[in-house]
Amino acid sequence: MYDERNMLVRDRSDNYVVLFKNDFSLNWFKDNHPDIELIDLFDVNQYDQTT
């Protein structure tokens, strides 16, 4: 899944990560692929924003 708006990449742990350019792209993907579970990494990880 790649186009000028979105990218499918791998993180340093070799997990797939989808990068959506905007909310429209994200919502389109969710509507057209309801069988794929997406998670927001900011919701599941604690990042130190002070550095």
PDB file of N, CA and C in Angstrom:
ATOM      1  N   MET A   1       0.838  -1.177   0.000  1.00  0.00           N
ATOM      2  CA  MET A   1       0.000   0.000   0.000  1.00  0.00           C
ATOM      3  C   MET A   1       0.878   1.232   0.000  1.00  0.00           C
ATOM      4  N   TYR A   2       1.000   1.833  -1.139  1.00  0.00           N
ATOM      5  CA  TYR A   2       1.774   3.054  -1.249  1.00  0.00           C
ATOM      6  C   TYR A   2       1.183   3.905  -2.360  1.00  0.00           C
ATOM      7  N   ASP A   3       1.057   5.157  -2.112  1.00  0.00           N
ATOM      8  CA  ASP A   3       0.767   6.140  -3.142  1.00  0.00           C
ATOM      9  C   ASP A   3       1.323   7.464  -2.659  1.00  0.00           C
ATOM     10  N   GLU A   4       0.966   8.535  -3.307  1.00  0.00           N
ATOM     11  CA  GLU A   4       1.541   9.827  -2.915  1.00  0.00           C
ATOM     12  C   GLU A   4       1.036  10.325  -1.565  1.00  0.00           C
ATOM     13  N   ARG A   5       0.032   9.659  -1.012  1.00  0.00           N
ATOM     14  CA  ARG A   5      -0.542  10.097   0.263  1.00  0.00           C
ATOM     15  C   ARG A   5      -0.204   9.183   1.428  1.00  0.00           C
ATOM     16  N   ASN A   6       0.016   7.914   1.175  1.00  0.00           N
ATOM     17  CA  ASN A   6       0.151   6.931   2.250  1.00  0.00           C
ATOM     18  C   ASN A   6       1.347   6.024   1.986  1.00  0.00           C
ATOM     19  N   MET A   7       1.876   5.471   3.077  1.00  0.00           N
ATOM     20  CA  MET A   7       2.999   4.543   2.931  1.00  0.00           C
ATOM     21  C   MET A   7       2.854   3.383   3.903  1.00  0.00           C
ATOM     22  N   LEU A   8       3.247   2.222   3.446  1.00  0.00           N
ATOM     23  CA  LEU A   8       3.355   1.047   4.294  1.00  0.00           C
ATOM     24  C   LEU A   8       4.840   0.812   4.519  1.00  0.00           C
ATOM     25  N   VAL A   9       5.256   0.876   5.773  1.00  0.00           N
ATOM     26  CA  VAL A   9       6.670   0.748   6.126  1.00  0.00           C
ATOM     27  C   VAL A   9       6.821  -0.253   7.257  1.00  0.00           C
ATOM     28  N   ARG A  10       8.047  -0.522   7.632  1.00  0.00           N
ATOM     29  CA  ARG A  10       8.322  -1.383   8.786  1.00  0.00           C
ATOM     30  C   ARG A  10       9.081  -0.580   9.829  1.00  0.00           C
ATOM     31  N   ASP A  11       8.743  -0.833  11.079  1.00  0.00           N
ATOM     32  CA  ASP A  11       9.464  -0.164  12.154  1.00  0.00           C
ATOM     33  C   ASP A  11      10.738  -0.933  12.493  1.00  0.00           C
ATOM     34  N   ARG A  12      11.456  -0.478  13.503  1.00  0.00           N
ATOM     35  CA  ARG A  12      12.723  -1.148  13.814  1.00  0.00           C
ATOM     36  C   ARG A  12      12.557  -2.542  14.374  1.00  0.00           C
ATOM     37  N   SER A  13      11.356  -2.893  14.796  1.00  0.00           N
ATOM     38  CA  SER A  13      11.078  -4.258  15.253  1.00  0.00           C
ATOM     39  C   SER A  13      10.513  -5.118  14.121  1.00  0.00           C
ATOM     40  N   ASP A  14      10.526  -4.596  12.921  1.00  0.00           N
ATOM     41  CA  ASP A  14      10.062  -5.278  11.713  1.00  0.00           C
ATOM     42  C   ASP A  14       8.544  -5.462  11.668  1.00  0.00           C
ATOM     43  N   ASN A  15       7.818  -4.624  12.391  1.00  0.00           N
ATOM     44  CA  ASN A  15       6.354  -4.617  12.337  1.00  0.00           C
ATOM     45  C   ASN A  15       5.909  -3.662  11.237  1.00  0.00           C
ATOM     46  N   TYR A  16       4.799  -3.994  10.611  1.00  0.00           N
ATOM     47  CA  TYR A  16       4.247  -3.097   9.603  1.00  0.00           C
ATOM     48  C   TYR A  16       3.612  -1.879  10.259  1.00  0.00           C
ATOM     49  N   VAL A  17       3.812  -0.735   9.625  1.00  0.00           N
ATOM     50  CA  VAL A  17       3.223   0.523  10.073  1.00  0.00           C
ATOM     51  C   VAL A  17       2.679   1.230   8.843  1.00  0.00           C
ATOM     52  N   VAL A  18       1.428   1.675   8.929  1.00  0.00           N
ATOM     53  CA  VAL A  18       0.841   2.438   7.832  1.00  0.00           C
ATOM     54  C   VAL A  18       0.875   3.905   8.220  1.00  0.00           C
ATOM     55  N   LEU A  19       1.414   4.713   7.335  1.00  0.00           N
ATOM     56  CA  LEU A  19       1.468   6.161   7.551  1.00  0.00           C
ATOM     57  C   LEU A  19       0.462   6.816   6.616  1.00  0.00           C
ATOM     58  N   PHE A  20      -0.578   7.420   7.202  1.00  0.00           N
ATOM     59  CA  PHE A  20      -1.609   8.091   6.421  1.00  0.00           C
ATOM     60  C   PHE A  20      -1.323   9.581   6.402  1.00  0.00           C
ATOM     61  N   LYS A  21      -1.502  10.186   5.264  1.00  0.00           N
ATOM     62  CA  LYS A  21      -1.219  11.610   5.140  1.00  0.00           C
ATOM     63  C   LYS A  21      -2.232  12.464   5.902  1.00  0.00           C
ATOM     64  N   ASN A  22      -3.474  12.020   5.947  1.00  0.00           N
ATOM     65  CA  ASN A  22      -4.510  12.829   6.586  1.00  0.00           C
ATOM     66  C   ASN A  22      -5.648  11.942   7.087  1.00  0.00           C
ATOM     67  N   ASP A  23      -6.582  12.550   7.775  1.00  0.00           N
ATOM     68  CA  ASP A  23      -7.719  11.808   8.327  1.00  0.00           C
ATOM     69  C   ASP A  23      -8.619  11.229   7.238  1.00  0.00           C
ATOM     70  N   PHE A  24      -8.753  11.944   6.148  1.00  0.00           N
ATOM     71  CA  PHE A  24      -9.573  11.422   5.055  1.00  0.00           C
ATOM     72  C   PHE A  24      -9.029  10.079   4.567  1.00  0.00           C
ATOM     73  N   SER A  25      -7.718   9.993   4.360  1.00  0.00           N
ATOM     74  CA  SER A  25      -7.097   8.747   3.902  1.00  0.00           C
ATOM     75  C   SER A  25      -7.277   7.637   4.922  1.00  0.00           C
ATOM     76  N   LEU A  26      -7.098   7.969   6.165  1.00  0.00           N
ATOM     77  CA  LEU A  26      -7.294   6.990   7.231  1.00  0.00           C
ATOM     78  C   LEU A  26      -8.731   6.485   7.254  1.00  0.00           C
ATOM     79  N   ASN A  27      -9.696   7.389   7.210  1.00  0.00           N
ATOM     80  CA  ASN A  27     -11.107   6.994   7.252  1.00  0.00           C
ATOM     81  C   ASN A  27     -11.521   6.218   6.012  1.00  0.00           C
ATOM     82  N   TRP A  28     -10.982   6.587   4.855  1.00  0.00           N
ATOM     83  CA  TRP A  28     -11.264   5.834   3.634  1.00  0.00           C
ATOM     84  C   TRP A  28     -10.779   4.403   3.782  1.00  0.00           C
ATOM     85  N   PHE A  29      -9.562   4.250   4.299  1.00  0.00           N
ATOM     86  CA  PHE A  29      -9.005   2.913   4.484  1.00  0.00           C
ATOM     87  C   PHE A  29      -9.861   2.103   5.461  1.00  0.00           C
ATOM     88  N   LYS A  30     -10.241   2.691   6.562  1.00  0.00           N
ATOM     89  CA  LYS A  30     -11.083   1.992   7.544  1.00  0.00           C
ATOM     90  C   LYS A  30     -12.415   1.560   6.940  1.00  0.00           C
ATOM     91  N   ASP A  31     -13.018   2.428   6.151  1.00  0.00           N
ATOM     92  CA  ASP A  31     -14.309   2.114   5.531  1.00  0.00           C
ATOM     93  C   ASP A  31     -14.193   0.987   4.505  1.00  0.00           C
ATOM     94  N   ASN A  32     -13.089   0.956   3.791  1.00  0.00           N
ATOM     95  CA  ASN A  32     -12.931  -0.021   2.715  1.00  0.00           C
ATOM     96  C   ASN A  32     -12.235  -1.307   3.138  1.00  0.00           C
ATOM     97  N   HIS A  33     -11.701  -1.323   4.346  1.00  0.00           N
ATOM     98  CA  HIS A  33     -11.009  -2.518   4.860  1.00  0.00           C
ATOM     99  C   HIS A  33     -11.390  -2.768   6.326  1.00  0.00           C
ATOM    100  N   PRO A  34     -12.654  -3.014   6.585  1.00  0.00           N
ATOM    101  CA  PRO A  34     -13.092  -3.161   7.983  1.00  0.00           C
ATOM    102  C   PRO A  34     -12.501  -4.386   8.675  1.00  0.00           C
ATOM    103  N   ASP A  35     -11.979  -5.326   7.905  1.00  0.00           N
ATOM    104  CA  ASP A  35     -11.416  -6.540   8.493  1.00  0.00           C
ATOM    105  C   ASP A  35      -9.990  -6.339   9.008  1.00  0.00           C
ATOM    106  N   ILE A  36      -9.387  -5.195   8.702  1.00  0.00           N
ATOM    107  CA  ILE A  36      -8.018  -4.918   9.170  1.00  0.00           C
ATOM    108  C   ILE A  36      -8.088  -4.024  10.401  1.00  0.00           C
ATOM    109  N   GLU A  37      -7.516  -4.505  11.485  1.00  0.00           N
ATOM    110  CA  GLU A  37      -7.510  -3.737  12.724  1.00  0.00           C
ATOM    111  C   GLU A  37      -6.344  -2.760  12.727  1.00  0.00           C
ATOM    112  N   LEU A  38      -6.656  -1.496  12.931  1.00  0.00           N
ATOM    113  CA  LEU A  38      -5.633  -0.465  13.042  1.00  0.00           C
ATOM    114  C   LEU A  38      -5.577   0.027  14.481  1.00  0.00           C
ATOM    115  N   ILE A  39      -4.370   0.303  14.936  1.00  0.00           N
ATOM    116  CA  ILE A  39      -4.225   0.889  16.273  1.00  0.00           C
ATOM    117  C   ILE A  39      -3.430   2.174  16.149  1.00  0.00           C
ATOM    118  N   ASP A  40      -3.706   3.101  17.013  1.00  0.00           N
ATOM    119  CA  ASP A  40      -2.972   4.357  17.068  1.00  0.00           C
ATOM    120  C   ASP A  40      -1.837   4.176  18.067  1.00  0.00           C
ATOM    121  N   LEU A  41      -0.623   4.265  17.596  1.00  0.00           N
ATOM    122  CA  LEU A  41       0.520   4.004  18.469  1.00  0.00           C
ATOM    123  C   LEU A  41       0.624   5.001  19.617  1.00  0.00           C
ATOM    124  N   PHE A  42       0.130   6.207  19.430  1.00  0.00           N
ATOM    125  CA  PHE A  42       0.159   7.175  20.516  1.00  0.00           C
ATOM    126  C   PHE A  42      -0.816   6.798  21.633  1.00  0.00           C
ATOM    127  N   ASP A  43      -1.810   5.995  21.296  1.00  0.00           N
ATOM    128  CA  ASP A  43      -2.751   5.537  22.316  1.00  0.00           C
ATOM    129  C   ASP A  43      -2.205   4.371  23.126  1.00  0.00           C
ATOM    130  N   VAL A  44      -1.287   3.608  22.569  1.00  0.00           N
ATOM    131  CA  VAL A  44      -0.802   2.404  23.249  1.00  0.00           C
ATOM    132  C   VAL A  44       0.608   2.536  23.809  1.00  0.00           C
ATOM    133  N   ASN A  45       1.303   3.605  23.468  1.00  0.00           N
ATOM    134  CA  ASN A  45       2.669   3.805  23.944  1.00  0.00           C
ATOM    135  C   ASN A  45       2.771   5.095  24.753  1.00  0.00           C
ATOM    136  N   GLN A  46       3.646   5.074  25.707  1.00  0.00           N
ATOM    137  CA  GLN A  46       3.933   6.262  26.496  1.00  0.00           C
ATOM    138  C   GLN A  46       5.243   6.863  25.981  1.00  0.00           C
ATOM    139  N   TYR A  47       5.151   8.054  25.431  1.00  0.00           N
ATOM    140  CA  TYR A  47       6.346   8.723  24.921  1.00  0.00           C
ATOM    141  C   TYR A  47       6.727   9.864  25.836  1.00  0.00           C
ATOM    142  N   ASP A  48       8.023   9.994  26.036  1.00  0.00           N
ATOM    143  CA  ASP A  48       8.525  11.111  26.830  1.00  0.00           C
ATOM    144  C   ASP A  48       8.609  12.335  25.917  1.00  0.00           C
ATOM    145  N   GLN A  49       7.707  13.264  26.092  1.00  0.00           N
ATOM    146  CA  GLN A  49       7.648  14.443  25.252  1.00  0.00           C
ATOM    147  C   GLN A  49       8.523  15.581  25.763  1.00  0.00           C
ATOM    148  N   THR A  50       9.257  15.360  26.840  1.00  0.00           N
ATOM    149  CA  THR A  50      10.046  16.430  27.440  1.00  0.00           C
ATOM    150  C   THR A  50      11.420  16.577  26.808  1.00  0.00           C
ATOM    151  N   THR A  51      11.871  15.610  26.041  1.00  0.00           N
ATOM    152  CA  THR A  51      13.214  15.696  25.465  1.00  0.00           C
ATOM    153  C   THR A  51      13.196  16.206  24.056  1.00  0.00           C
TER     154      THR A  51
END
